[in-house]
Structure formats: structure tokens, C-alpha cells
C-alpha atoms as a PDB file:
ATOM      1  CA  MET A   1       2.100  -1.306   3.183  1.00  0.00           C
ATOM      2  CA  ALA A   2       4.102  -1.618   0.015  1.00  0.00           C
ATOM      3  CA  ARG A   3       6.107   0.416  -2.462  1.00  0.00           C
ATOM      4  CA  SER A   4       5.395   0.092  -6.167  1.00  0.00           C
ATOM      5  CA  LEU A   5       8.551  -0.862  -8.087  1.00  0.00           C
ATOM      6  CA  ALA A   6       7.375  -0.774 -11.712  1.00  0.00           C
ATOM      7  CA  GLY A   7       4.907   1.014 -13.945  1.00  0.00           C
ATOM      8  CA  ARG A   8       3.563   4.556 -14.013  1.00  0.00           C
ATOM      9  CA  ASP A   9       3.047   4.414 -10.257  1.00  0.00           C
ATOM     10  CA  ALA A  10       6.639   3.347  -9.477  1.00  0.00           C
ATOM     11  CA  GLY A  11       7.812   4.728  -6.151  1.00  0.00           C
ATOM     12  CA  ILE A  12       4.428   5.351  -4.539  1.00  0.00           C
ATOM     13  CA  ILE A  13       3.633   4.012  -1.100  1.00  0.00           C
ATOM     14  CA  CYS A  14       0.327   2.180  -0.987  1.00  0.00           C
ATOM     15  CA  LEU A  15      -1.709  -0.331   0.943  1.00  0.00           C
ATOM     16  CA  ILE A  16      -2.339  -3.847  -0.335  1.00  0.00           C
ATOM     17  CA  LEU A  17      -6.093  -4.327  -0.062  1.00  0.00           C
ATOM     18  CA  ARG A  18      -6.248  -7.958  -1.178  1.00  0.00           C
ATOM     19  CA  GLU A  19      -4.270 -10.714  -2.875  1.00  0.00           C
ATOM     20  CA  GLU A  20      -5.239 -13.105  -5.672  1.00  0.00           C
ATOM     21  CA  ASP A  21      -2.803 -15.707  -7.020  1.00  0.00           C
ATOM     22  CA  GLU A  22       0.174 -13.733  -8.378  1.00  0.00           C
ATOM     23  CA  ASN A  23      -1.563 -10.343  -8.157  1.00  0.00           C
ATOM     24  CA  VAL A  24      -2.209  -7.800  -5.446  1.00  0.00           C
ATOM     25  CA  PHE A  25      -4.720  -4.941  -5.432  1.00  0.00           C
ATOM     26  CA  ILE A  26      -3.273  -1.667  -4.157  1.00  0.00           C
ATOM     27  CA  ALA A  27      -4.686   1.741  -3.250  1.00  0.00           C
ATOM     28  CA  ASP A  28      -3.166   5.006  -2.080  1.00  0.00           C
ATOM     29  CA  GLY A  29      -6.377   6.965  -1.510  1.00  0.00           C
ATOM     30  CA  ARG A  30      -5.527   9.574  -4.135  1.00  0.00           C
ATOM     31  CA  ASP A  31      -4.716   8.242  -7.619  1.00  0.00           C
ATOM     32  CA  ARG A  32      -5.900   4.726  -6.818  1.00  0.00           C
ATOM     33  CA  ARG A  33      -8.921   4.896  -4.604  1.00  0.00           C
ATOM     34  CA  VAL A  34     -10.232   2.222  -2.260  1.00  0.00           C
ATOM     35  CA  GLU A  35     -13.257   1.669  -4.521  1.00  0.00           C
ATOM     36  CA  THR A  36     -11.115   0.974  -7.623  1.00  0.00           C
ATOM     37  CA  PRO A  37      -7.772  -0.517  -6.549  1.00  0.00           C
ATOM     38  CA  LYS A  38      -4.948  -1.138  -9.040  1.00  0.00           C
ATOM     39  CA  LYS A  39      -4.266  -4.763  -9.970  1.00  0.00           C
ATOM     40  CA  LYS A  40      -0.510  -5.258  -9.851  1.00  0.00           C
ATOM     41  CA  ASN A  41       1.823  -8.211 -10.261  1.00  0.00           C
ATOM     42  CA  ARG A  42       3.190  -9.328  -6.895  1.00  0.00           C
ATOM     43  CA  LYS A  43       6.761  -9.078  -8.267  1.00  0.00           C
ATOM     44  CA  HIS A  44       6.288  -5.357  -8.905  1.00  0.00           C
ATOM     45  CA  VAL A  45       5.712  -4.362  -5.275  1.00  0.00           C
ATOM     46  CA  ARG A  46       7.975  -4.525  -2.220  1.00  0.00           C
ATOM     47  CA  LEU A  47       6.589  -4.833   1.288  1.00  0.00           C
ATOM     48  CA  ILE A  48       7.572  -2.052   3.659  1.00  0.00           C
ATOM     49  CA  THR A  49       8.672  -3.058   7.114  1.00  0.00           C
ATOM     50  CA  GLY A  50       8.555  -1.132  10.359  1.00  0.00           C
ATOM     51  CA  GLU A  51      11.245  -0.663  12.967  1.00  0.00           C
ATOM     52  CA  ASN A  52      10.848  -4.241  14.194  1.00  0.00           C
ATOM     53  CA  GLY A  53      11.275  -5.724  10.690  1.00  0.00           C
ATOM     54  CA  GLU A  54       7.642  -6.844  10.428  1.00  0.00           C
ATOM     55  CA  PRO A  55       5.446  -5.691   7.525  1.00  0.00           C
ATOM     56  CA  ILE A  56       3.256  -2.720   8.435  1.00  0.00           C
ATOM     57  CA  ARG A  57      -0.389  -3.742   8.371  1.00  0.00           C
ATOM     58  CA  PHE A  58      -3.608  -1.781   8.613  1.00  0.00           C
ATOM     59  CA  SER A  59      -5.862  -2.946  11.405  1.00  0.00           C
ATOM     60  CA  GLY A  60      -9.015  -0.925  11.371  1.00  0.00           C
ATOM     61  CA  GLU A  61     -12.657  -1.224  10.550  1.00  0.00           C
ATOM     62  CA  ALA A  62     -13.779   1.290   7.927  1.00  0.00           C
ATOM     63  CA  LEU A  63     -11.247   2.355   5.306  1.00  0.00           C
ATOM     64  CA  THR A  64     -11.968   5.602   3.480  1.00  0.00           C
ATOM     65  CA  ASN A  65      -9.747   7.361   0.962  1.00  0.00           C
ATOM     66  CA  ARG A  66      -9.158  10.302   3.297  1.00  0.00           C
ATOM     67  CA  PHE A  67      -8.240   8.024   6.186  1.00  0.00           C
ATOM     68  CA  LEU A  68      -5.938   5.955   3.929  1.00  0.00           C
ATOM     69  CA  ARG A  69      -4.055   9.053   2.710  1.00  0.00           C
ATOM     70  CA  ASN A  70      -3.548  10.286   6.271  1.00  0.00           C
ATOM     71  CA  TRP A  71      -2.594   6.829   7.563  1.00  0.00           C
ATOM     72  CA  LEU A  72       0.003   6.327   4.796  1.00  0.00           C
ATOM     73  CA  ARG A  73       1.459   9.785   5.468  1.00  0.00           C
ATOM     74  CA  GLU A  74       1.679   9.013   9.202  1.00  0.00           C
ATOM     75  CA  GLN A  75       3.282   5.604   8.627  1.00  0.00           C
ATOM     76  CA  ALA A  76       5.819   6.951   6.113  1.00  0.00           C
ATOM     77  CA  GLY A  77       7.883   8.356   8.993  1.00  0.00           C
ATOM     78  CA  ARG A  78       8.197   4.940  10.596  1.00  0.00           C
ATOM     79  CA  VAL A  79       9.368   2.814   7.669  1.00  0.00           C
ATOM     80  CA  GLN A  80      12.543   1.185   6.416  1.00  0.00           C
ATOM     81  CA  VAL A  81      12.422   0.989   2.642  1.00  0.00           C
END
């Protein structure tokens, strides 16, 4: 999980789907869907950690937009930003 720091989507909580060089591809299941993730500079996102200080990661099989929205909402209560 990450929080966008810059751009029109600043402040949103999203999931990093993949990484390439200095860029990450993020989705939130609503504005940026899993099928068309947003390419964002790595410097413009901050990883969100859980209670133990480790980054929160998604570990599942199929990722749909509906599931992603619900998962992000559920995880939002467990984060330290």
C-alpha cells in the first residue's frame, strides 16, 4: 500500500501493482482501475506501514476492482501514515 504525495491524486491510498526502474504503477479500484494503473514516479508515493512497521502487502490470487476498493478500505484502519 502507498499514499500518493503529488499530482491530481495526491492523498489517495492505493496499491502498487508493479515497479519499473524509477516508476511504480498504482491502482485504487475506483479512479485508477486494475486494468489501467497510473504510472507514477517512485518519489511521489510513500509506502504505508502497518502496526509492526512493515509495509502492508496484498497477498491474494485474483485482484478485482471491487475487491481492491474493499481491501484498501479495510486496511485503512490499520495503518500508520
